[in-house]
Amino acid sequence: MDDADLAGLIERVKAGDEDAIRELIQQFEGAVRTIVRVRLPQSLRSQFDSMDFVQAVWQSVLTKEGQDLGRFANARHFRGFLQGVARNKVFEEHRKQTRTKKYRVQHE
């Protein structure tokens, strides 16, 4: 996907075009899924599917960041942003699970 295609696609996404949203997800889902699988700790693999995190990333990006999608200069920049969001989602859940286990042990 070249930069002009991405810019046009993002404009359609911001306008609420469902087909554009599906196309955007299809174009970049592989990169998001890969970073989730790489970063997902073994302790969370039995509790979560990687697609849970992928869906959380898209929900965040398309609802919270959706108004600001035009800030990405190219596909590489957008892919890096998505990978950062995915990394943060996995880290946040791991930290939450670790903290919960820590407190659960003290209560037992």
N, C-alpha and C. Protein backbone atom coordinates (compact mmCIF):
# COMPACT_ATOMS: atom_id res chain seq x y z
N MET A 1 0.85 -1.17 0.00
CA MET A 1 0.00 0.00 0.00
C MET A 1 0.89 1.23 0.00
N ASP A 2 0.68 2.10 -0.98
CA ASP A 2 1.49 3.32 -1.01
C ASP A 2 0.83 4.42 -0.19
N ASP A 3 1.56 5.52 -0.03
CA ASP A 3 1.12 6.60 0.85
C ASP A 3 -0.19 7.25 0.40
N ALA A 4 -0.37 7.40 -0.90
CA ALA A 4 -1.60 8.01 -1.42
C ALA A 4 -2.81 7.11 -1.15
N ASP A 5 -2.62 5.82 -1.32
CA ASP A 5 -3.71 4.87 -1.03
C ASP A 5 -4.08 4.91 0.44
N LEU A 6 -3.07 4.95 1.31
CA LEU A 6 -3.33 5.01 2.74
C LEU A 6 -4.07 6.28 3.11
N ALA A 7 -3.65 7.40 2.55
CA ALA A 7 -4.32 8.68 2.86
C ALA A 7 -5.77 8.64 2.42
N GLY A 8 -6.05 8.11 1.24
CA GLY A 8 -7.42 8.00 0.76
C GLY A 8 -8.25 7.06 1.62
N LEU A 9 -7.64 5.95 2.01
CA LEU A 9 -8.32 4.97 2.85
C LEU A 9 -8.65 5.56 4.22
N ILE A 10 -7.72 6.29 4.78
CA ILE A 10 -7.95 6.91 6.09
C ILE A 10 -9.06 7.95 6.01
N GLU A 11 -9.10 8.69 4.94
CA GLU A 11 -10.18 9.67 4.76
C GLU A 11 -11.54 8.98 4.70
N ARG A 12 -11.60 7.85 4.02
CA ARG A 12 -12.85 7.09 3.96
C ARG A 12 -13.22 6.51 5.32
N VAL A 13 -12.21 6.06 6.07
CA VAL A 13 -12.46 5.52 7.42
C VAL A 13 -13.01 6.63 8.31
N LYS A 14 -12.40 7.80 8.26
CA LYS A 14 -12.86 8.93 9.08
C LYS A 14 -14.27 9.35 8.72
N ALA A 15 -14.66 9.12 7.46
CA ALA A 15 -16.02 9.44 7.02
C ALA A 15 -17.02 8.36 7.43
N GLY A 16 -16.52 7.25 7.97
CA GLY A 16 -17.41 6.20 8.46
C GLY A 16 -17.72 5.11 7.46
N ASP A 17 -16.95 4.99 6.41
CA ASP A 17 -17.16 3.97 5.38
C ASP A 17 -16.78 2.59 5.93
N GLU A 18 -17.76 1.72 6.06
CA GLU A 18 -17.54 0.38 6.63
C GLU A 18 -16.58 -0.45 5.78
N ASP A 19 -16.68 -0.33 4.46
CA ASP A 19 -15.77 -1.08 3.58
C ASP A 19 -14.33 -0.62 3.77
N ALA A 20 -14.15 0.67 3.98
CA ALA A 20 -12.80 1.21 4.20
C ALA A 20 -12.24 0.70 5.52
N ILE A 21 -13.08 0.62 6.53
CA ILE A 21 -12.63 0.10 7.83
C ILE A 21 -12.18 -1.34 7.69
N ARG A 22 -12.97 -2.15 6.97
CA ARG A 22 -12.60 -3.55 6.76
C ARG A 22 -11.29 -3.66 5.98
N GLU A 23 -11.12 -2.81 4.97
CA GLU A 23 -9.90 -2.83 4.18
C GLU A 23 -8.68 -2.43 5.01
N LEU A 24 -8.84 -1.41 5.84
CA LEU A 24 -7.75 -0.97 6.71
C LEU A 24 -7.34 -2.10 7.66
N ILE A 25 -8.32 -2.73 8.26
CA ILE A 25 -8.03 -3.84 9.17
C ILE A 25 -7.34 -4.97 8.42
N GLN A 26 -7.83 -5.30 7.25
CA GLN A 26 -7.25 -6.38 6.46
C GLN A 26 -5.80 -6.08 6.09
N GLN A 27 -5.51 -4.85 5.76
CA GLN A 27 -4.15 -4.46 5.35
C GLN A 27 -3.14 -4.57 6.49
N PHE A 28 -3.57 -4.24 7.71
CA PHE A 28 -2.61 -4.12 8.81
C PHE A 28 -2.79 -5.14 9.93
N GLU A 29 -3.77 -6.00 9.83
CA GLU A 29 -4.03 -6.96 10.91
C GLU A 29 -2.87 -7.92 11.13
N GLY A 30 -2.22 -8.32 10.07
CA GLY A 30 -1.10 -9.26 10.19
C GLY A 30 0.03 -8.70 11.05
N ALA A 31 0.36 -7.45 10.85
CA ALA A 31 1.43 -6.82 11.64
C ALA A 31 1.04 -6.73 13.11
N VAL A 32 -0.23 -6.42 13.38
CA VAL A 32 -0.70 -6.32 14.76
C VAL A 32 -0.69 -7.70 15.41
N ARG A 33 -1.19 -8.68 14.70
CA ARG A 33 -1.24 -10.04 15.25
C ARG A 33 0.16 -10.58 15.52
N THR A 34 1.11 -10.28 14.65
CA THR A 34 2.48 -10.74 14.84
C THR A 34 3.09 -10.16 16.11
N ILE A 35 2.94 -8.88 16.33
CA ILE A 35 3.53 -8.26 17.53
C ILE A 35 2.86 -8.79 18.79
N VAL A 36 1.55 -9.05 18.72
CA VAL A 36 0.86 -9.61 19.89
C VAL A 36 1.42 -11.00 20.19
N ARG A 37 1.57 -11.83 19.18
CA ARG A 37 2.08 -13.19 19.40
C ARG A 37 3.50 -13.19 19.93
N VAL A 38 4.31 -12.25 19.47
CA VAL A 38 5.69 -12.17 19.94
C VAL A 38 5.74 -11.71 21.39
N ARG A 39 4.91 -10.75 21.74
CA ARG A 39 4.96 -10.13 23.07
C ARG A 39 4.11 -10.83 24.13
N LEU A 40 3.19 -11.70 23.74
CA LEU A 40 2.29 -12.33 24.70
C LEU A 40 3.05 -13.33 25.57
N PRO A 41 3.15 -13.06 26.88
CA PRO A 41 3.88 -13.97 27.76
C PRO A 41 3.20 -15.35 27.85
N GLN A 42 4.00 -16.35 28.10
CA GLN A 42 3.49 -17.71 28.19
C GLN A 42 2.38 -17.82 29.24
N SER A 43 2.49 -17.08 30.32
CA SER A 43 1.51 -17.16 31.40
C SER A 43 0.12 -16.66 30.96
N LEU A 44 0.06 -15.85 29.92
CA LEU A 44 -1.23 -15.34 29.46
C LEU A 44 -1.80 -16.12 28.27
N ARG A 45 -0.99 -16.97 27.67
CA ARG A 45 -1.43 -17.69 26.47
C ARG A 45 -2.59 -18.64 26.72
N SER A 46 -2.67 -19.17 27.93
CA SER A 46 -3.79 -20.07 28.23
C SER A 46 -5.07 -19.30 28.55
N GLN A 47 -4.94 -18.04 28.88
CA GLN A 47 -6.10 -17.23 29.25
C GLN A 47 -6.64 -16.38 28.10
N PHE A 48 -5.76 -16.00 27.17
CA PHE A 48 -6.15 -15.09 26.10
C PHE A 48 -5.71 -15.62 24.75
N ASP A 49 -6.53 -15.35 23.77
CA ASP A 49 -6.18 -15.61 22.38
C ASP A 49 -5.56 -14.34 21.83
N SER A 50 -4.63 -14.46 20.93
CA SER A 50 -3.99 -13.26 20.38
C SER A 50 -5.01 -12.35 19.70
N MET A 51 -6.07 -12.92 19.17
CA MET A 51 -7.09 -12.09 18.51
C MET A 51 -7.85 -11.21 19.50
N ASP A 52 -7.89 -11.59 20.78
CA ASP A 52 -8.49 -10.71 21.79
C ASP A 52 -7.77 -9.38 21.84
N PHE A 53 -6.45 -9.45 21.79
CA PHE A 53 -5.64 -8.23 21.83
C PHE A 53 -5.74 -7.47 20.51
N VAL A 54 -5.77 -8.20 19.40
CA VAL A 54 -5.89 -7.54 18.10
C VAL A 54 -7.19 -6.74 18.04
N GLN A 55 -8.27 -7.33 18.51
CA GLN A 55 -9.56 -6.62 18.52
C GLN A 55 -9.53 -5.42 19.45
N ALA A 56 -8.84 -5.55 20.57
CA ALA A 56 -8.73 -4.41 21.49
C ALA A 56 -7.94 -3.27 20.86
N VAL A 57 -6.92 -3.61 20.10
CA VAL A 57 -6.13 -2.59 19.40
C VAL A 57 -7.02 -1.84 18.41
N TRP A 58 -7.75 -2.59 17.59
CA TRP A 58 -8.60 -1.93 16.59
C TRP A 58 -9.70 -1.12 17.24
N GLN A 59 -10.24 -1.61 18.33
CA GLN A 59 -11.27 -0.84 19.03
C GLN A 59 -10.69 0.49 19.51
N SER A 60 -9.52 0.44 20.07
CA SER A 60 -8.86 1.66 20.55
C SER A 60 -8.58 2.62 19.40
N VAL A 61 -7.99 2.10 18.37
CA VAL A 61 -7.57 2.94 17.25
C VAL A 61 -8.77 3.55 16.54
N LEU A 62 -9.80 2.76 16.32
CA LEU A 62 -10.93 3.26 15.53
C LEU A 62 -11.93 4.08 16.34
N THR A 63 -11.87 4.01 17.66
CA THR A 63 -12.79 4.83 18.45
C THR A 63 -12.08 6.03 19.05
N LYS A 64 -10.98 5.80 19.74
CA LYS A 64 -10.29 6.90 20.43
C LYS A 64 -9.40 7.70 19.49
N GLU A 65 -8.65 7.01 18.65
CA GLU A 65 -7.68 7.67 17.78
C GLU A 65 -8.26 7.98 16.41
N GLY A 66 -9.48 7.56 16.16
CA GLY A 66 -10.06 7.67 14.83
C GLY A 66 -10.07 9.07 14.26
N GLN A 67 -10.27 10.06 15.09
CA GLN A 67 -10.31 11.43 14.61
C GLN A 67 -8.93 11.90 14.18
N ASP A 68 -7.89 11.25 14.68
CA ASP A 68 -6.53 11.71 14.44
C ASP A 68 -5.77 10.77 13.50
N LEU A 69 -6.45 9.93 12.75
CA LEU A 69 -5.77 8.98 11.88
C LEU A 69 -5.01 9.67 10.75
N GLY A 70 -5.37 10.89 10.40
CA GLY A 70 -4.72 11.59 9.31
C GLY A 70 -3.30 12.01 9.61
N ARG A 71 -2.85 11.84 10.83
CA ARG A 71 -1.50 12.29 11.20
C ARG A 71 -0.40 11.37 10.70
N PHE A 72 -0.75 10.22 10.17
CA PHE A 72 0.25 9.26 9.74
C PHE A 72 0.69 9.56 8.32
N ALA A 73 2.00 9.73 8.16
CA ALA A 73 2.56 10.15 6.88
C ALA A 73 2.63 9.00 5.87
N ASN A 74 2.82 7.79 6.38
CA ASN A 74 2.93 6.66 5.47
C ASN A 74 2.52 5.37 6.18
N ALA A 75 2.48 4.29 5.40
CA ALA A 75 2.03 3.00 5.94
C ALA A 75 2.99 2.49 7.01
N ARG A 76 4.28 2.73 6.84
CA ARG A 76 5.26 2.27 7.83
C ARG A 76 5.03 2.95 9.18
N HIS A 77 4.75 4.24 9.14
CA HIS A 77 4.48 5.00 10.35
C HIS A 77 3.21 4.48 11.04
N PHE A 78 2.16 4.23 10.26
CA PHE A 78 0.90 3.71 10.81
C PHE A 78 1.10 2.32 11.39
N ARG A 79 1.86 1.47 10.69
CA ARG A 79 2.13 0.11 11.18
C ARG A 79 2.89 0.17 12.50
N GLY A 80 3.86 1.06 12.60
CA GLY A 80 4.61 1.22 13.85
C GLY A 80 3.72 1.67 14.99
N PHE A 81 2.79 2.57 14.69
CA PHE A 81 1.83 3.02 15.70
C PHE A 81 0.98 1.86 16.19
N LEU A 82 0.45 1.07 15.25
CA LEU A 82 -0.38 -0.08 15.62
C LEU A 82 0.40 -1.08 16.45
N GLN A 83 1.65 -1.31 16.09
CA GLN A 83 2.47 -2.24 16.84
C GLN A 83 2.72 -1.72 18.26
N GLY A 84 2.88 -0.42 18.40
CA GLY A 84 3.05 0.17 19.73
C GLY A 84 1.81 0.02 20.58
N VAL A 85 0.64 0.23 19.98
CA VAL A 85 -0.63 0.06 20.71
C VAL A 85 -0.77 -1.40 21.14
N ALA A 86 -0.45 -2.33 20.24
CA ALA A 86 -0.55 -3.76 20.57
C ALA A 86 0.40 -4.12 21.70
N ARG A 87 1.61 -3.64 21.62
CA ARG A 87 2.61 -3.91 22.68
C ARG A 87 2.10 -3.39 24.02
N ASN A 88 1.53 -2.20 24.02
CA ASN A 88 1.03 -1.61 25.26
C ASN A 88 -0.16 -2.39 25.81
N LYS A 89 -1.04 -2.86 24.95
CA LYS A 89 -2.20 -3.65 25.40
C LYS A 89 -1.75 -4.94 26.08
N VAL A 90 -0.79 -5.62 25.48
CA VAL A 90 -0.28 -6.86 26.06
C VAL A 90 0.42 -6.58 27.39
N PHE A 91 1.26 -5.55 27.41
CA PHE A 91 1.98 -5.19 28.63
C PHE A 91 1.01 -4.82 29.75
N GLU A 92 -0.01 -4.05 29.43
CA GLU A 92 -1.00 -3.64 30.42
C GLU A 92 -1.72 -4.84 31.04
N GLU A 93 -2.11 -5.79 30.19
CA GLU A 93 -2.80 -6.99 30.70
C GLU A 93 -1.85 -7.85 31.52
N HIS A 94 -0.61 -7.97 31.09
CA HIS A 94 0.37 -8.76 31.85
C HIS A 94 0.60 -8.14 33.22
N ARG A 95 0.75 -6.83 33.25
CA ARG A 95 0.95 -6.13 34.53
C ARG A 95 -0.27 -6.33 35.44
N LYS A 96 -1.45 -6.23 34.86
CA LYS A 96 -2.68 -6.41 35.64
C LYS A 96 -2.76 -7.83 36.21
N GLN A 97 -2.44 -8.82 35.39
CA GLN A 97 -2.49 -10.21 35.84
C GLN A 97 -1.43 -10.48 36.91
N THR A 98 -0.26 -9.92 36.74
CA THR A 98 0.82 -10.10 37.71
C THR A 98 0.44 -9.48 39.04
N ARG A 99 -0.10 -8.30 38.99
CA ARG A 99 -0.51 -7.61 40.22
C ARG A 99 -1.64 -8.38 40.90
N THR A 100 -2.58 -8.88 40.14
CA THR A 100 -3.69 -9.64 40.71
C THR A 100 -3.19 -10.91 41.38
N LYS A 101 -2.28 -11.62 40.72
CA LYS A 101 -1.72 -12.84 41.31
C LYS A 101 -0.96 -12.52 42.59
N LYS A 102 -0.25 -11.42 42.58
CA LYS A 102 0.52 -11.02 43.76
C LYS A 102 -0.40 -10.82 44.95
N TYR A 103 -1.48 -10.11 44.74
CA TYR A 103 -2.40 -9.85 45.84
C TYR A 103 -3.20 -11.08 46.22
N ARG A 104 -3.49 -11.93 45.26
CA ARG A 104 -4.23 -13.15 45.54
C ARG A 104 -3.41 -14.08 46.44
N VAL A 105 -2.12 -14.15 46.23
CA VAL A 105 -1.25 -15.00 47.06
C VAL A 105 -1.25 -14.51 48.49
N GLN A 106 -1.22 -13.23 48.70
CA GLN A 106 -1.21 -12.69 50.05
C GLN A 106 -2.52 -12.97 50.78
N HIS A 107 -3.60 -13.02 50.06
CA HIS A 107 -4.91 -13.27 50.70
C HIS A 107 -5.10 -14.75 51.02
N GLU A 108 -4.41 -15.62 50.35
CA GLU A 108 -4.55 -17.05 50.62
C GLU A 108 -3.75 -17.37 51.79
